[in-house]
Amino acid sequence: MQLHRDRELLWSAGVALHVIGNGAPMFIAGFRETTGYDGSIYTDPSLAVFRAAELRSGIRTVATLGTVARSIGALRRGFRQGPVQGSALQQGGAVLVSREGQILWQRASEGPGDNVSAAEIVAAYARTR
């Protein structure tokens, strides 16, 4: 997760950031410690929220040339994968939801390392206004 680093950009645009993971609730404290994120965090080990948001899952999401290339790039920049705490096959994404619960925009990650940027979210939000 990288969006927590740009949380101020999101907030200044009027976008609230809520993180949803898929590991056990006991992993939330470790996530906070590792990332320094102190905002709202939820978890859904059943993956129902991920399915409802139509986010990708499965071996085809991790066994791709794009994933290999992104992994090599991350290793070269000094990033290391920590222990998996949830479904390793479940990919993330970003979903803009109105206060009324309407999905305004979404982007599913193609695979590991395919992360949406805060700027992309802010631009999408601006288009919905």
Protein backbone atom coordinates (compact mmCIF):
# COMPACT_ATOMS: atom_id res chain seq x y z
CA MET A 1 0.00 0.00 0.00
CA GLN A 2 1.37 3.38 -0.96
CA LEU A 3 -1.61 5.73 -0.77
CA HIS A 4 -1.06 6.47 2.92
CA ARG A 5 2.05 8.43 1.90
CA ASP A 6 -0.14 10.79 -0.16
CA ARG A 7 -3.00 10.98 2.29
CA GLU A 8 -2.73 14.78 2.54
CA LEU A 9 -3.20 15.11 -1.24
CA LEU A 10 -6.33 12.97 -1.02
CA TRP A 11 -7.71 14.85 1.98
CA SER A 12 -7.06 18.25 0.43
CA ALA A 13 -9.14 17.14 -2.57
CA GLY A 14 -11.97 15.97 -0.29
CA VAL A 15 -11.25 12.24 -0.58
CA ALA A 16 -11.22 10.11 2.59
CA LEU A 17 -8.92 7.09 2.59
CA HIS A 18 -10.16 3.82 4.09
CA VAL A 19 -7.94 0.73 3.84
CA ILE A 20 -9.47 -2.74 3.53
CA GLY A 21 -7.20 -5.74 3.83
CA ASN A 22 -7.98 -9.43 3.72
CA GLY A 23 -5.83 -10.80 6.54
CA ALA A 24 -6.95 -11.70 10.04
CA PRO A 25 -7.84 -8.75 12.30
CA MET A 26 -4.78 -9.46 14.45
CA PHE A 27 -2.55 -8.33 11.54
CA ILE A 28 -3.85 -4.74 11.59
CA ALA A 29 -1.48 -3.63 14.36
CA GLY A 30 1.53 -4.97 12.46
CA PHE A 31 0.36 -3.24 9.29
CA ARG A 32 0.13 0.05 11.18
CA GLU A 33 3.60 -0.45 12.62
CA THR A 34 5.16 -1.35 9.27
CA THR A 35 3.52 1.43 7.25
CA GLY A 36 3.00 4.14 9.84
CA TYR A 37 -0.60 4.48 8.63
CA ASP A 38 -2.88 5.70 11.43
CA GLY A 39 -6.12 6.07 9.46
CA SER A 40 -9.10 3.75 9.24
CA ILE A 41 -8.34 0.11 8.49
CA TYR A 42 -10.81 -2.72 8.03
CA THR A 43 -10.31 -6.33 7.09
CA ASP A 44 -12.44 -8.86 5.26
CA PRO A 45 -10.89 -12.35 5.34
CA SER A 46 -14.02 -13.67 3.57
CA LEU A 47 -13.05 -11.53 0.51
CA ALA A 48 -16.72 -10.56 0.01
CA VAL A 49 -15.85 -6.85 -0.29
CA PHE A 50 -13.17 -7.65 -2.87
CA ARG A 51 -15.65 -9.70 -4.93
CA ALA A 52 -18.30 -6.96 -4.65
CA ALA A 53 -15.74 -4.42 -5.92
CA GLU A 54 -14.88 -6.82 -8.77
CA LEU A 55 -11.20 -6.89 -7.82
CA ARG A 56 -9.04 -9.56 -9.43
CA SER A 57 -7.97 -12.76 -7.74
CA GLY A 58 -6.28 -15.99 -8.74
CA ILE A 59 -3.01 -17.42 -9.97
CA ARG A 60 -3.36 -15.58 -13.29
CA THR A 61 -2.98 -12.29 -11.42
CA VAL A 62 0.45 -13.18 -10.02
CA ALA A 63 1.97 -15.39 -12.73
CA THR A 64 2.51 -12.74 -15.41
CA LEU A 65 5.45 -11.05 -17.10
CA GLY A 66 4.23 -7.71 -15.75
CA THR A 67 4.38 -9.02 -12.20
CA VAL A 68 7.91 -10.31 -12.74
CA ALA A 69 9.02 -6.97 -14.19
CA ARG A 70 7.42 -4.98 -11.33
CA SER A 71 9.00 -7.35 -8.79
CA ILE A 72 12.47 -6.93 -10.27
CA GLY A 73 12.03 -3.15 -10.30
CA ALA A 74 10.91 -3.15 -6.66
CA LEU A 75 13.87 -5.31 -5.62
CA ARG A 76 16.27 -2.97 -7.41
CA ARG A 77 14.75 -0.03 -5.50
CA GLY A 78 15.31 -1.88 -2.21
CA PHE A 79 11.79 -3.06 -1.48
CA ARG A 80 11.34 -6.50 0.01
CA GLN A 81 8.15 -8.52 0.34
CA GLY A 82 7.18 -9.13 3.94
CA PRO A 83 5.21 -12.13 5.13
CA VAL A 84 1.85 -12.63 3.44
CA GLN A 85 -1.01 -11.95 5.84
CA GLY A 86 -4.14 -12.94 3.94
CA SER A 87 -4.79 -14.19 0.45
CA ALA A 88 -1.66 -13.81 -1.68
CA LEU A 89 -3.79 -14.23 -4.80
CA GLN A 90 -6.20 -11.37 -4.01
CA GLN A 91 -5.34 -8.13 -5.76
CA GLY A 92 -6.32 -4.70 -4.55
CA GLY A 93 -7.51 -1.58 -6.20
CA ALA A 94 -9.25 1.67 -5.46
CA VAL A 95 -12.94 2.44 -5.33
CA LEU A 96 -14.51 5.88 -4.98
CA VAL A 97 -17.79 5.60 -3.15
CA SER A 98 -20.20 8.48 -2.59
CA ARG A 99 -21.60 9.20 0.87
CA GLU A 100 -24.80 7.57 -0.38
CA GLY A 101 -22.95 4.35 -1.22
CA GLN A 102 -22.86 4.76 -5.00
CA ILE A 103 -19.69 3.60 -6.74
CA LEU A 104 -18.39 6.63 -8.65
CA TRP A 105 -15.16 5.12 -10.04
CA GLN A 106 -12.94 2.13 -9.56
CA ARG A 107 -9.70 0.67 -10.79
CA ALA A 108 -8.65 -2.90 -10.12
CA SER A 109 -4.96 -3.73 -9.87
CA GLU A 110 -3.78 -6.04 -12.63
CA GLY A 111 -1.39 -7.76 -10.23
CA PRO A 112 1.16 -7.18 -7.49
CA GLY A 113 2.81 -3.77 -7.75
CA ASP A 114 0.13 -2.34 -10.03
CA ASN A 115 -0.92 0.36 -7.60
CA VAL A 116 -3.24 3.26 -8.27
CA SER A 117 -1.74 6.66 -7.46
CA ALA A 118 -3.28 9.35 -5.30
CA ALA A 119 -3.15 11.70 -8.29
CA GLU A 120 -5.20 9.21 -10.34
CA ILE A 121 -7.81 9.01 -7.57
CA VAL A 122 -7.99 12.80 -7.21
CA ALA A 123 -8.42 13.19 -10.98
CA ALA A 124 -11.20 10.58 -11.00
CA TYR A 125 -12.90 12.30 -8.09
CA ALA A 126 -12.72 15.67 -9.84
CA ARG A 127 -14.44 14.13 -12.90
CA THR A 128 -17.35 12.95 -10.72
CA ARG A 129 -18.12 16.37 -9.31
